[in-house]
Amino acid sequence: MIDYNDKRFRPVQNTTNGETSAETIFHYKQEGVVLTCAYSGGRIVTGHLIALVDDDGGIDMRYHQVNDKGELMTGVCRSVPEIMPDGRIRLLETWRWTSGDGSSGSSVLEEI
């Protein structure tokens, strides 16, 4: 299992229906298989996620955030990790809004 505790990530790619950007910073905390995170930046005023990490480092998460329009947005996401040549973690994400239009998308986050 990958240990995500105290690691920070930044989006490097997102579909147009997403709200995170390169200005959004995710700060992960992990205890056992339970992962939590606070994030903000760019269009995100504040956000949180809670997740479970599987044996391969995959992350099954639920998230909620307040955007710069004052809207409360919620969603689900599955992240699959890759270890980059320099040892940092890249997360390949597929997600779906459970609020708003219910659309789906994908994003890529990299450890900073």
PDB file of N, CA and C in Angstrom:
ATOM      1  N   MET A   1       0.846  -1.197   0.000  1.00  0.00           N
ATOM      2  CA  MET A   1       0.000   0.000   0.000  1.00  0.00           C
ATOM      3  C   MET A   1       0.879   1.244   0.000  1.00  0.00           C
ATOM      4  N   ILE A   2       0.484   2.219  -0.769  1.00  0.00           N
ATOM      5  CA  ILE A   2       1.193   3.497  -0.805  1.00  0.00           C
ATOM      6  C   ILE A   2       0.800   4.304   0.426  1.00  0.00           C
ATOM      7  N   ASP A   3       1.783   4.960   1.037  1.00  0.00           N
ATOM      8  CA  ASP A   3       1.513   5.833   2.183  1.00  0.00           C
ATOM      9  C   ASP A   3       1.394   7.271   1.673  1.00  0.00           C
ATOM     10  N   TYR A   4       0.186   7.817   1.724  1.00  0.00           N
ATOM     11  CA  TYR A   4      -0.079   9.171   1.247  1.00  0.00           C
ATOM     12  C   TYR A   4       0.049  10.222   2.352  1.00  0.00           C
ATOM     13  N   ASN A   5       0.336   9.787   3.576  1.00  0.00           N
ATOM     14  CA  ASN A   5       0.322  10.719   4.701  1.00  0.00           C
ATOM     15  C   ASN A   5       1.276  11.898   4.492  1.00  0.00           C
ATOM     16  N   ASP A   6       0.745  13.094   4.656  1.00  0.00           N
ATOM     17  CA  ASP A   6       1.448  14.371   4.593  1.00  0.00           C
ATOM     18  C   ASP A   6       1.984  14.702   3.200  1.00  0.00           C
ATOM     19  N   LYS A   7       1.452  14.049   2.161  1.00  0.00           N
ATOM     20  CA  LYS A   7       1.856  14.366   0.796  1.00  0.00           C
ATOM     21  C   LYS A   7       0.915  15.436   0.226  1.00  0.00           C
ATOM     22  N   ARG A   8       1.475  16.246  -0.657  1.00  0.00           N
ATOM     23  CA  ARG A   8       0.705  17.308  -1.309  1.00  0.00           C
ATOM     24  C   ARG A   8       0.673  17.041  -2.808  1.00  0.00           C
ATOM     25  N   PHE A   9      -0.484  17.346  -3.410  1.00  0.00           N
ATOM     26  CA  PHE A   9      -0.684  17.111  -4.835  1.00  0.00           C
ATOM     27  C   PHE A   9      -1.266  18.359  -5.490  1.00  0.00           C
ATOM     28  N   ARG A  10      -0.993  18.483  -6.799  1.00  0.00           N
ATOM     29  CA  ARG A  10      -1.503  19.597  -7.602  1.00  0.00           C
ATOM     30  C   ARG A  10      -2.021  19.016  -8.924  1.00  0.00           C
ATOM     31  N   PRO A  11      -3.200  19.443  -9.374  1.00  0.00           N
ATOM     32  CA  PRO A  11      -3.689  18.988 -10.680  1.00  0.00           C
ATOM     33  C   PRO A  11      -2.787  19.486 -11.809  1.00  0.00           C
ATOM     34  N   VAL A  12      -2.513  18.597 -12.754  1.00  0.00           N
ATOM     35  CA  VAL A  12      -1.773  18.986 -13.959  1.00  0.00           C
ATOM     36  C   VAL A  12      -2.660  18.846 -15.194  1.00  0.00           C
ATOM     37  N   GLN A  13      -3.845  18.255 -14.994  1.00  0.00           N
ATOM     38  CA  GLN A  13      -4.795  18.078 -16.104  1.00  0.00           C
ATOM     39  C   GLN A  13      -6.182  17.868 -15.507  1.00  0.00           C
ATOM     40  N   ASN A  14      -7.201  18.424 -16.174  1.00  0.00           N
ATOM     41  CA  ASN A  14      -8.583  18.223 -15.740  1.00  0.00           C
ATOM     42  C   ASN A  14      -9.501  18.461 -16.941  1.00  0.00           C
ATOM     43  N   THR A  15     -10.627  17.770 -16.954  1.00  0.00           N
ATOM     44  CA  THR A  15     -11.599  18.022 -18.008  1.00  0.00           C
ATOM     45  C   THR A  15     -12.317  19.341 -17.719  1.00  0.00           C
ATOM     46  N   THR A  16     -12.932  19.924 -18.748  1.00  0.00           N
ATOM     47  CA  THR A  16     -13.496  21.272 -18.633  1.00  0.00           C
ATOM     48  C   THR A  16     -14.632  21.379 -17.625  1.00  0.00           C
ATOM     49  N   ASN A  17     -15.311  20.280 -17.316  1.00  0.00           N
ATOM     50  CA  ASN A  17     -16.410  20.331 -16.345  1.00  0.00           C
ATOM     51  C   ASN A  17     -15.923  20.198 -14.909  1.00  0.00           C
ATOM     52  N   GLY A  18     -14.616  20.130 -14.688  1.00  0.00           N
ATOM     53  CA  GLY A  18     -14.048  20.077 -13.342  1.00  0.00           C
ATOM     54  C   GLY A  18     -13.789  21.470 -12.807  1.00  0.00           C
ATOM     55  N   GLU A  19     -13.550  21.571 -11.518  1.00  0.00           N
ATOM     56  CA  GLU A  19     -13.311  22.870 -10.895  1.00  0.00           C
ATOM     57  C   GLU A  19     -11.885  23.060 -10.390  1.00  0.00           C
ATOM     58  N   THR A  20     -11.116  21.985 -10.280  1.00  0.00           N
ATOM     59  CA  THR A  20      -9.747  22.134  -9.796  1.00  0.00           C
ATOM     60  C   THR A  20      -8.830  22.571 -10.932  1.00  0.00           C
ATOM     61  N   SER A  21      -7.707  23.185 -10.541  1.00  0.00           N
ATOM     62  CA  SER A  21      -6.726  23.683 -11.509  1.00  0.00           C
ATOM     63  C   SER A  21      -5.346  23.591 -10.873  1.00  0.00           C
ATOM     64  N   ALA A  22      -4.342  24.048 -11.588  1.00  0.00           N
ATOM     65  CA  ALA A  22      -2.968  24.029 -11.079  1.00  0.00           C
ATOM     66  C   ALA A  22      -2.809  24.860  -9.805  1.00  0.00           C
ATOM     67  N   GLU A  23      -3.758  25.745  -9.522  1.00  0.00           N
ATOM     68  CA  GLU A  23      -3.717  26.550  -8.297  1.00  0.00           C
ATOM     69  C   GLU A  23      -4.277  25.810  -7.084  1.00  0.00           C
ATOM     70  N   THR A  24      -4.919  24.673  -7.307  1.00  0.00           N
ATOM     71  CA  THR A  24      -5.529  23.902  -6.222  1.00  0.00           C
ATOM     72  C   THR A  24      -4.481  22.980  -5.611  1.00  0.00           C
ATOM     73  N   ILE A  25      -4.318  23.052  -4.297  1.00  0.00           N
ATOM     74  CA  ILE A  25      -3.366  22.194  -3.587  1.00  0.00           C
ATOM     75  C   ILE A  25      -4.142  21.264  -2.656  1.00  0.00           C
ATOM     76  N   PHE A  26      -3.839  19.968  -2.772  1.00  0.00           N
ATOM     77  CA  PHE A  26      -4.435  18.918  -1.941  1.00  0.00           C
ATOM     78  C   PHE A  26      -3.399  18.478  -0.914  1.00  0.00           C
ATOM     79  N   HIS A  27      -3.771  18.450   0.370  1.00  0.00           N
ATOM     80  CA  HIS A  27      -2.870  17.996   1.432  1.00  0.00           C
ATOM     81  C   HIS A  27      -3.472  16.743   2.068  1.00  0.00           C
ATOM     82  N   TYR A  28      -2.860  15.592   1.791  1.00  0.00           N
ATOM     83  CA  TYR A  28      -3.385  14.297   2.222  1.00  0.00           C
ATOM     84  C   TYR A  28      -2.893  13.929   3.618  1.00  0.00           C
ATOM     85  N   LYS A  29      -3.769  13.284   4.379  1.00  0.00           N
ATOM     86  CA  LYS A  29      -3.453  12.679   5.681  1.00  0.00           C
ATOM     87  C   LYS A  29      -3.971  11.259   5.641  1.00  0.00           C
ATOM     88  N   GLN A  30      -3.199  10.316   6.148  1.00  0.00           N
ATOM     89  CA  GLN A  30      -3.615   8.919   6.110  1.00  0.00           C
ATOM     90  C   GLN A  30      -3.319   8.235   7.437  1.00  0.00           C
ATOM     91  N   GLU A  31      -4.307   7.461   7.924  1.00  0.00           N
ATOM     92  CA  GLU A  31      -4.158   6.600   9.098  1.00  0.00           C
ATOM     93  C   GLU A  31      -4.695   5.240   8.707  1.00  0.00           C
ATOM     94  N   GLY A  32      -3.805   4.265   8.554  1.00  0.00           N
ATOM     95  CA  GLY A  32      -4.231   2.953   8.081  1.00  0.00           C
ATOM     96  C   GLY A  32      -4.748   3.072   6.664  1.00  0.00           C
ATOM     97  N   VAL A  33      -5.951   2.558   6.427  1.00  0.00           N
ATOM     98  CA  VAL A  33      -6.543   2.630   5.083  1.00  0.00           C
ATOM     99  C   VAL A  33      -7.403   3.879   4.887  1.00  0.00           C
ATOM    100  N   VAL A  34      -7.569   4.680   5.941  1.00  0.00           N
ATOM    101  CA  VAL A  34      -8.422   5.871   5.870  1.00  0.00           C
ATOM    102  C   VAL A  34      -7.596   7.085   5.452  1.00  0.00           C
ATOM    103  N   LEU A  35      -8.046   7.732   4.388  1.00  0.00           N
ATOM    104  CA  LEU A  35      -7.380   8.910   3.839  1.00  0.00           C
ATOM    105  C   LEU A  35      -8.322  10.105   3.946  1.00  0.00           C
ATOM    106  N   THR A  36      -7.809  11.231   4.407  1.00  0.00           N
ATOM    107  CA  THR A  36      -8.561  12.483   4.416  1.00  0.00           C
ATOM    108  C   THR A  36      -7.701  13.548   3.746  1.00  0.00           C
ATOM    109  N   CYS A  37      -8.341  14.622   3.353  1.00  0.00           N
ATOM    110  CA  CYS A  37      -7.617  15.674   2.660  1.00  0.00           C
ATOM    111  C   CYS A  37      -8.387  16.980   2.766  1.00  0.00           C
ATOM    112  N   ALA A  38      -7.650  18.065   2.939  1.00  0.00           N
ATOM    113  CA  ALA A  38      -8.197  19.413   2.803  1.00  0.00           C
ATOM    114  C   ALA A  38      -7.549  20.019   1.562  1.00  0.00           C
ATOM    115  N   TYR A  39      -8.328  20.776   0.794  1.00  0.00           N
ATOM    116  CA  TYR A  39      -7.780  21.385  -0.413  1.00  0.00           C
ATOM    117  C   TYR A  39      -8.441  22.726  -0.680  1.00  0.00           C
ATOM    118  N   SER A  40      -7.711  23.579  -1.395  1.00  0.00           N
ATOM    119  CA  SER A  40      -8.216  24.899  -1.775  1.00  0.00           C
ATOM    120  C   SER A  40      -7.297  25.471  -2.846  1.00  0.00           C
ATOM    121  N   GLY A  41      -7.769  26.546  -3.450  1.00  0.00           N
ATOM    122  CA  GLY A  41      -6.983  27.253  -4.455  1.00  0.00           C
ATOM    123  C   GLY A  41      -7.693  27.303  -5.791  1.00  0.00           C
ATOM    124  N   GLY A  42      -7.423  28.345  -6.552  1.00  0.00           N
ATOM    125  CA  GLY A  42      -8.099  28.529  -7.823  1.00  0.00           C
ATOM    126  C   GLY A  42      -9.579  28.780  -7.582  1.00  0.00           C
ATOM    127  N   ARG A  43     -10.434  28.028  -8.246  1.00  0.00           N
ATOM    128  CA  ARG A  43     -11.889  28.183  -8.092  1.00  0.00           C
ATOM    129  C   ARG A  43     -12.421  27.573  -6.807  1.00  0.00           C
ATOM    130  N   ILE A  44     -11.586  26.838  -6.064  1.00  0.00           N
ATOM    131  CA  ILE A  44     -12.037  26.149  -4.851  1.00  0.00           C
ATOM    132  C   ILE A  44     -11.736  27.009  -3.624  1.00  0.00           C
ATOM    133  N   VAL A  45     -12.785  27.460  -2.930  1.00  0.00           N
ATOM    134  CA  VAL A  45     -12.613  28.213  -1.691  1.00  0.00           C
ATOM    135  C   VAL A  45     -12.130  27.264  -0.602  1.00  0.00           C
ATOM    136  N   THR A  46     -12.812  26.139  -0.460  1.00  0.00           N
ATOM    137  CA  THR A  46     -12.392  25.095   0.475  1.00  0.00           C
ATOM    138  C   THR A  46     -13.022  23.778   0.062  1.00  0.00           C
ATOM    139  N   GLY A  47     -12.302  22.696   0.316  1.00  0.00           N
ATOM    140  CA  GLY A  47     -12.820  21.376  -0.002  1.00  0.00           C
ATOM    141  C   GLY A  47     -12.222  20.328   0.913  1.00  0.00           C
ATOM    142  N   HIS A  48     -12.916  19.213   1.023  1.00  0.00           N
ATOM    143  CA  HIS A  48     -12.462  18.082   1.839  1.00  0.00           C
ATOM    144  C   HIS A  48     -12.819  16.792   1.123  1.00  0.00           C
ATOM    145  N   LEU A  49     -12.036  15.776   1.389  1.00  0.00           N
ATOM    146  CA  LEU A  49     -12.389  14.453   0.888  1.00  0.00           C
ATOM    147  C   LEU A  49     -12.109  13.426   1.967  1.00  0.00           C
ATOM    148  N   ILE A  50     -12.817  12.314   1.875  1.00  0.00           N
ATOM    149  CA  ILE A  50     -12.573  11.158   2.726  1.00  0.00           C
ATOM    150  C   ILE A  50     -12.544   9.952   1.809  1.00  0.00           C
ATOM    151  N   ALA A  51     -11.639   9.016   2.101  1.00  0.00           N
ATOM    152  CA  ALA A  51     -11.432   7.920   1.166  1.00  0.00           C
ATOM    153  C   ALA A  51     -10.892   6.692   1.881  1.00  0.00           C
ATOM    154  N   LEU A  52     -10.915   5.590   1.144  1.00  0.00           N
ATOM    155  CA  LEU A  52     -10.270   4.349   1.558  1.00  0.00           C
ATOM    156  C   LEU A  52      -9.200   4.027   0.531  1.00  0.00           C
ATOM    157  N   VAL A  53      -8.044   3.571   1.026  1.00  0.00           N
ATOM    158  CA  VAL A  53      -6.917   3.206   0.165  1.00  0.00           C
ATOM    159  C   VAL A  53      -6.834   1.684   0.122  1.00  0.00           C
ATOM    160  N   ASP A  54      -6.755   1.117  -1.092  1.00  0.00           N
ATOM    161  CA  ASP A  54      -6.657  -0.347  -1.205  1.00  0.00           C
ATOM    162  C   ASP A  54      -5.190  -0.793  -1.199  1.00  0.00           C
ATOM    163  N   ASP A  55      -4.969  -2.094  -1.262  1.00  0.00           N
ATOM    164  CA  ASP A  55      -3.621  -2.655  -1.176  1.00  0.00           C
ATOM    165  C   ASP A  55      -2.690  -2.170  -2.277  1.00  0.00           C
ATOM    166  N   ASP A  56      -3.238  -1.808  -3.439  1.00  0.00           N
ATOM    167  CA  ASP A  56      -2.434  -1.326  -4.566  1.00  0.00           C
ATOM    168  C   ASP A  56      -2.253   0.188  -4.554  1.00  0.00           C
ATOM    169  N   GLY A  57      -2.776   0.871  -3.526  1.00  0.00           N
ATOM    170  CA  GLY A  57      -2.679   2.326  -3.440  1.00  0.00           C
ATOM    171  C   GLY A  57      -3.814   3.055  -4.124  1.00  0.00           C
ATOM    172  N   GLY A  58      -4.780   2.308  -4.698  1.00  0.00           N
ATOM    173  CA  GLY A  58      -5.944   2.936  -5.305  1.00  0.00           C
ATOM    174  C   GLY A  58      -6.785   3.628  -4.251  1.00  0.00           C
ATOM    175  N   ILE A  59      -7.412   4.716  -4.628  1.00  0.00           N
ATOM    176  CA  ILE A  59      -8.186   5.532  -3.686  1.00  0.00           C
ATOM    177  C   ILE A  59      -9.637   5.604  -4.148  1.00  0.00           C
ATOM    178  N   ASP A  60     -10.555   5.244  -3.243  1.00  0.00           N
ATOM    179  CA  ASP A  60     -11.991   5.341  -3.473  1.00  0.00           C
ATOM    180  C   ASP A  60     -12.492   6.468  -2.581  1.00  0.00           C
ATOM    181  N   MET A  61     -12.848   7.615  -3.173  1.00  0.00           N
ATOM    182  CA  MET A  61     -13.131   8.800  -2.360  1.00  0.00           C
ATOM    183  C   MET A  61     -14.504   9.415  -2.615  1.00  0.00           C
ATOM    184  N   ARG A  62     -14.921  10.185  -1.639  1.00  0.00           N
ATOM    185  CA  ARG A  62     -16.076  11.066  -1.721  1.00  0.00           C
ATOM    186  C   ARG A  62     -15.576  12.456  -1.362  1.00  0.00           C
ATOM    187  N   TYR A  63     -16.043  13.465  -2.087  1.00  0.00           N
ATOM    188  CA  TYR A  63     -15.549  14.818  -1.825  1.00  0.00           C
ATOM    189  C   TYR A  63     -16.680  15.830  -1.807  1.00  0.00           C
ATOM    190  N   HIS A  64     -16.423  16.942  -1.124  1.00  0.00           N
ATOM    191  CA  HIS A  64     -17.327  18.093  -1.148  1.00  0.00           C
ATOM    192  C   HIS A  64     -16.473  19.358  -1.124  1.00  0.00           C
ATOM    193  N   GLN A  65     -16.978  20.385  -1.799  1.00  0.00           N
ATOM    194  CA  GLN A  65     -16.221  21.623  -1.898  1.00  0.00           C
ATOM    195  C   GLN A  65     -17.166  22.802  -2.119  1.00  0.00           C
ATOM    196  N   VAL A  66     -16.686  23.978  -1.731  1.00  0.00           N
ATOM    197  CA  VAL A  66     -17.386  25.227  -2.017  1.00  0.00           C
ATOM    198  C   VAL A  66     -16.551  25.953  -3.062  1.00  0.00           C
ATOM    199  N   ASN A  67     -17.199  26.319  -4.175  1.00  0.00           N
ATOM    200  CA  ASN A  67     -16.465  26.992  -5.255  1.00  0.00           C
ATOM    201  C   ASN A  67     -16.575  28.515  -5.124  1.00  0.00           C
ATOM    202  N   ASP A  68     -15.932  29.215  -6.045  1.00  0.00           N
ATOM    203  CA  ASP A  68     -15.892  30.678  -5.989  1.00  0.00           C
ATOM    204  C   ASP A  68     -17.221  31.343  -6.346  1.00  0.00           C
ATOM    205  N   LYS A  69     -18.222  30.539  -6.718  1.00  0.00           N
ATOM    206  CA  LYS A  69     -19.578  31.060  -6.932  1.00  0.00           C
ATOM    207  C   LYS A  69     -20.434  30.886  -5.685  1.00  0.00           C
ATOM    208  N   GLY A  70     -19.850  30.310  -4.626  1.00  0.00           N
ATOM    209  CA  GLY A  70     -20.582  30.054  -3.393  1.00  0.00           C
ATOM    210  C   GLY A  70     -21.446  28.810  -3.453  1.00  0.00           C
ATOM    211  N   GLU A  71     -21.169  27.919  -4.408  1.00  0.00           N
ATOM    212  CA  GLU A  71     -21.941  26.681  -4.555  1.00  0.00           C
ATOM    213  C   GLU A  71     -21.265  25.538  -3.803  1.00  0.00           C
ATOM    214  N   LEU A  72     -22.072  24.708  -3.169  1.00  0.00           N
ATOM    215  CA  LEU A  72     -21.594  23.491  -2.519  1.00  0.00           C
ATOM    216  C   LEU A  72     -21.690  22.363  -3.541  1.00  0.00           C
ATOM    217  N   MET A  73     -20.554  21.768  -3.881  1.00  0.00           N
ATOM    218  CA  MET A  73     -20.487  20.715  -4.889  1.00  0.00           C
ATOM    219  C   MET A  73     -20.000  19.419  -4.236  1.00  0.00           C
ATOM    220  N   THR A  74     -20.537  18.294  -4.700  1.00  0.00           N
ATOM    221  CA  THR A  74     -20.160  16.992  -4.148  1.00  0.00           C
ATOM    222  C   THR A  74     -19.879  16.017  -5.285  1.00  0.00           C
ATOM    223  N   GLY A  75     -19.082  14.993  -4.972  1.00  0.00           N
ATOM    224  CA  GLY A  75     -18.791  14.011  -5.994  1.00  0.00           C
ATOM    225  C   GLY A  75     -18.103  12.773  -5.472  1.00  0.00           C
ATOM    226  N   VAL A  76     -17.874  11.837  -6.385  1.00  0.00           N
ATOM    227  CA  VAL A  76     -17.164  10.591  -6.104  1.00  0.00           C
ATOM    228  C   VAL A  76     -15.997  10.493  -7.082  1.00  0.00           C
ATOM    229  N   CYS A  77     -14.930   9.819  -6.651  1.00  0.00           N
ATOM    230  CA  CYS A  77     -13.736   9.736  -7.480  1.00  0.00           C
ATOM    231  C   CYS A  77     -12.994   8.438  -7.194  1.00  0.00           C
ATOM    232  N   ARG A  78     -12.383   7.905  -8.221  1.00  0.00           N
ATOM    233  CA  ARG A  78     -11.487   6.754  -8.106  1.00  0.00           C
ATOM    234  C   ARG A  78     -10.132   7.187  -8.650  1.00  0.00           C
ATOM    235  N   SER A  79      -9.086   7.046  -7.825  1.00  0.00           N
ATOM    236  CA  SER A  79      -7.729   7.426  -8.221  1.00  0.00           C
ATOM    237  C   SER A  79      -6.851   6.189  -8.299  1.00  0.00           C
ATOM    238  N   VAL A  80      -6.085   6.110  -9.371  1.00  0.00           N
ATOM    239  CA  VAL A  80      -5.137   5.011  -9.558  1.00  0.00           C
ATOM    240  C   VAL A  80      -3.735   5.621  -9.574  1.00  0.00           C
ATOM    241  N   PRO A  81      -2.842   5.144  -8.692  1.00  0.00           N
ATOM    242  CA  PRO A  81      -1.511   5.747  -8.624  1.00  0.00           C
ATOM    243  C   PRO A  81      -0.538   5.177  -9.648  1.00  0.00           C
ATOM    244  N   GLU A  82       0.394   6.029 -10.049  1.00  0.00           N
ATOM    245  CA  GLU A  82       1.561   5.630 -10.834  1.00  0.00           C
ATOM    246  C   GLU A  82       2.767   6.239 -10.143  1.00  0.00           C
ATOM    247  N   ILE A  83       3.865   5.519 -10.103  1.00  0.00           N
ATOM    248  CA  ILE A  83       5.100   6.079  -9.573  1.00  0.00           C
ATOM    249  C   ILE A  83       5.903   6.613 -10.759  1.00  0.00           C
ATOM    250  N   MET A  84       6.200   7.902 -10.721  1.00  0.00           N
ATOM    251  CA  MET A  84       6.939   8.542 -11.801  1.00  0.00           C
ATOM    252  C   MET A  84       8.426   8.194 -11.680  1.00  0.00           C
ATOM    253  N   PRO A  85       9.204   8.373 -12.749  1.00  0.00           N
ATOM    254  CA  PRO A  85      10.637   8.031 -12.712  1.00  0.00           C
ATOM    255  C   PRO A  85      11.405   8.702 -11.567  1.00  0.00           C
ATOM    256  N   ASP A  86      10.977   9.891 -11.147  1.00  0.00           N
ATOM    257  CA  ASP A  86      11.678  10.580 -10.053  1.00  0.00           C
ATOM    258  C   ASP A  86      11.178  10.161  -8.673  1.00  0.00           C
ATOM    259  N   GLY A  87      10.254   9.161  -8.616  1.00  0.00           N
ATOM    260  CA  GLY A  87       9.756   8.651  -7.341  1.00  0.00           C
ATOM    261  C   GLY A  87       8.487   9.306  -6.835  1.00  0.00           C
ATOM    262  N   ARG A  88       8.089  10.427  -7.443  1.00  0.00           N
ATOM    263  CA  ARG A  88       6.842  11.078  -7.024  1.00  0.00           C
ATOM    264  C   ARG A  88       5.647  10.278  -7.521  1.00  0.00           C
ATOM    265  N   ILE A  89       4.501  10.542  -6.885  1.00  0.00           N
ATOM    266  CA  ILE A  89       3.266   9.835  -7.219  1.00  0.00           C
ATOM    267  C   ILE A  89       2.430  10.676  -8.179  1.00  0.00           C
ATOM    268  N   ARG A  90       1.903  10.026  -9.206  1.00  0.00           N
ATOM    269  CA  ARG A  90       0.920  10.628 -10.116  1.00  0.00           C
ATOM    270  C   ARG A  90      -0.390   9.882  -9.890  1.00  0.00           C
ATOM    271  N   LEU A  91      -1.500  10.618  -9.764  1.00  0.00           N
ATOM    272  CA  LEU A  91      -2.822  10.023  -9.569  1.00  0.00           C
ATOM    273  C   LEU A  91      -3.667  10.235 -10.817  1.00  0.00           C
ATOM    274  N   LEU A  92      -4.111   9.134 -11.411  1.00  0.00           N
ATOM    275  CA  LEU A  92      -5.013   9.174 -12.568  1.00  0.00           C
ATOM    276  C   LEU A  92      -6.428   9.005 -12.039  1.00  0.00           C
ATOM    277  N   GLU A  93      -7.243  10.030 -12.214  1.00  0.00           N
ATOM    278  CA  GLU A  93      -8.548  10.069 -11.555  1.00  0.00           C
ATOM    279  C   GLU A  93      -9.707  10.054 -12.550  1.00  0.00           C
ATOM    280  N   THR A  94     -10.730   9.309 -12.195  1.00  0.00           N
ATOM    281  CA  THR A  94     -12.023   9.373 -12.878  1.00  0.00           C
ATOM    282  C   THR A  94     -13.044   9.758 -11.816  1.00  0.00           C
ATOM    283  N   TRP A  95     -13.861  10.746 -12.119  1.00  0.00           N
ATOM    284  CA  TRP A  95     -14.777  11.277 -11.119  1.00  0.00           C
ATOM    285  C   TRP A  95     -16.146  11.579 -11.728  1.00  0.00           C
ATOM    286  N   ARG A  96     -17.094  11.788 -10.819  1.00  0.00           N
ATOM    287  CA  ARG A  96     -18.467  12.124 -11.221  1.00  0.00           C
ATOM    288  C   ARG A  96     -19.074  13.043 -10.174  1.00  0.00           C
ATOM    289  N   TRP A  97     -19.700  14.105 -10.651  1.00  0.00           N
ATOM    290  CA  TRP A  97     -20.429  14.995  -9.741  1.00  0.00           C
ATOM    291  C   TRP A  97     -21.674  14.276  -9.227  1.00  0.00           C
ATOM    292  N   THR A  98     -21.941  14.384  -7.930  1.00  0.00           N
ATOM    293  CA  THR A  98     -23.205  13.904  -7.374  1.00  0.00           C
ATOM    294  C   THR A  98     -24.121  15.090  -7.077  1.00  0.00           C
ATOM    295  N   SER A  99     -23.684  16.270  -7.466  1.00  0.00           N
ATOM    296  CA  SER A  99     -24.488  17.496  -7.409  1.00  0.00           C
ATOM    297  C   SER A  99     -24.373  18.157  -8.777  1.00  0.00           C
ATOM    298  N   GLY A 100     -25.038  19.282  -8.925  1.00  0.00           N
ATOM    299  CA  GLY A 100     -24.963  19.984 -10.204  1.00  0.00           C
ATOM    300  C   GLY A 100     -25.509  19.132 -11.338  1.00  0.00           C
ATOM    301  N   ASP A 101     -24.774  19.066 -12.444  1.00  0.00           N
ATOM    302  CA  ASP A 101     -25.279  18.367 -13.631  1.00  0.00           C
ATOM    303  C   ASP A 101     -25.017  16.855 -13.627  1.00  0.00           C
ATOM    304  N   GLY A 102     -24.305  16.348 -12.620  1.00  0.00           N
ATOM    305  CA  GLY A 102     -24.062  14.900 -12.535  1.00  0.00           C
ATOM    306  C   GLY A 102     -23.098  14.376 -13.574  1.00  0.00           C
ATOM    307  N   SER A 103     -22.373  15.263 -14.243  1.00  0.00           N
ATOM    308  CA  SER A 103     -21.463  14.823 -15.299  1.00  0.00           C
ATOM    309  C   SER A 103     -20.208  14.162 -14.731  1.00  0.00           C
ATOM    310  N   SER A 104     -19.463  13.510 -15.609  1.00  0.00           N
ATOM    311  CA  SER A 104     -18.243  12.811 -15.245  1.00  0.00           C
ATOM    312  C   SER A 104     -17.051  13.471 -15.903  1.00  0.00           C
ATOM    313  N   GLY A 105     -15.855  13.146 -15.383  1.00  0.00           N
ATOM    314  CA  GLY A 105     -14.645  13.688 -15.970  1.00  0.00           C
ATOM    315  C   GLY A 105     -13.427  12.914 -15.513  1.00  0.00           C
ATOM    316  N   SER A 106     -12.279  13.433 -15.878  1.00  0.00           N
ATOM    317  CA  SER A 106     -11.020  12.808 -15.470  1.00  0.00           C
ATOM    318  C   SER A 106     -10.011  13.906 -15.172  1.00  0.00           C
ATOM    319  N   SER A 107      -9.057  13.579 -14.324  1.00  0.00           N
ATOM    320  CA  SER A 107      -8.013  14.532 -13.971  1.00  0.00           C
ATOM    321  C   SER A 107      -6.739  13.759 -13.631  1.00  0.00           C
ATOM    322  N   VAL A 108      -5.635  14.487 -13.635  1.00  0.00           N
ATOM    323  CA  VAL A 108      -4.339  13.941 -13.264  1.00  0.00           C
ATOM    324  C   VAL A 108      -3.743  14.862 -12.214  1.00  0.00           C
ATOM    325  N   LEU A 109      -3.341  14.287 -11.073  1.00  0.00           N
ATOM    326  CA  LEU A 109      -2.664  15.044 -10.018  1.00  0.00           C
ATOM    327  C   LEU A 109      -1.252  14.512  -9.887  1.00  0.00           C
ATOM    328  N   GLU A 110      -0.312  15.400  -9.541  1.00  0.00           N
ATOM    329  CA  GLU A 110       1.061  14.979  -9.300  1.00  0.00           C
ATOM    330  C   GLU A 110       1.525  15.507  -7.955  1.00  0.00           C
ATOM    331  N   GLU A 111       2.309  14.670  -7.287  1.00  0.00           N
ATOM    332  CA  GLU A 111       2.877  15.047  -5.996  1.00  0.00           C
ATOM    333  C   GLU A 111       3.818  16.227  -6.170  1.00  0.00           C
ATOM    334  N   ILE A 112       3.754  17.167  -5.216  1.00  0.00           N
ATOM    335  CA  ILE A 112       4.655  18.339  -5.265  1.00  0.00           C
ATOM    336  C   ILE A 112       5.577  18.328  -4.063  1.00  0.00           C
TER     337      ILE A 112
END
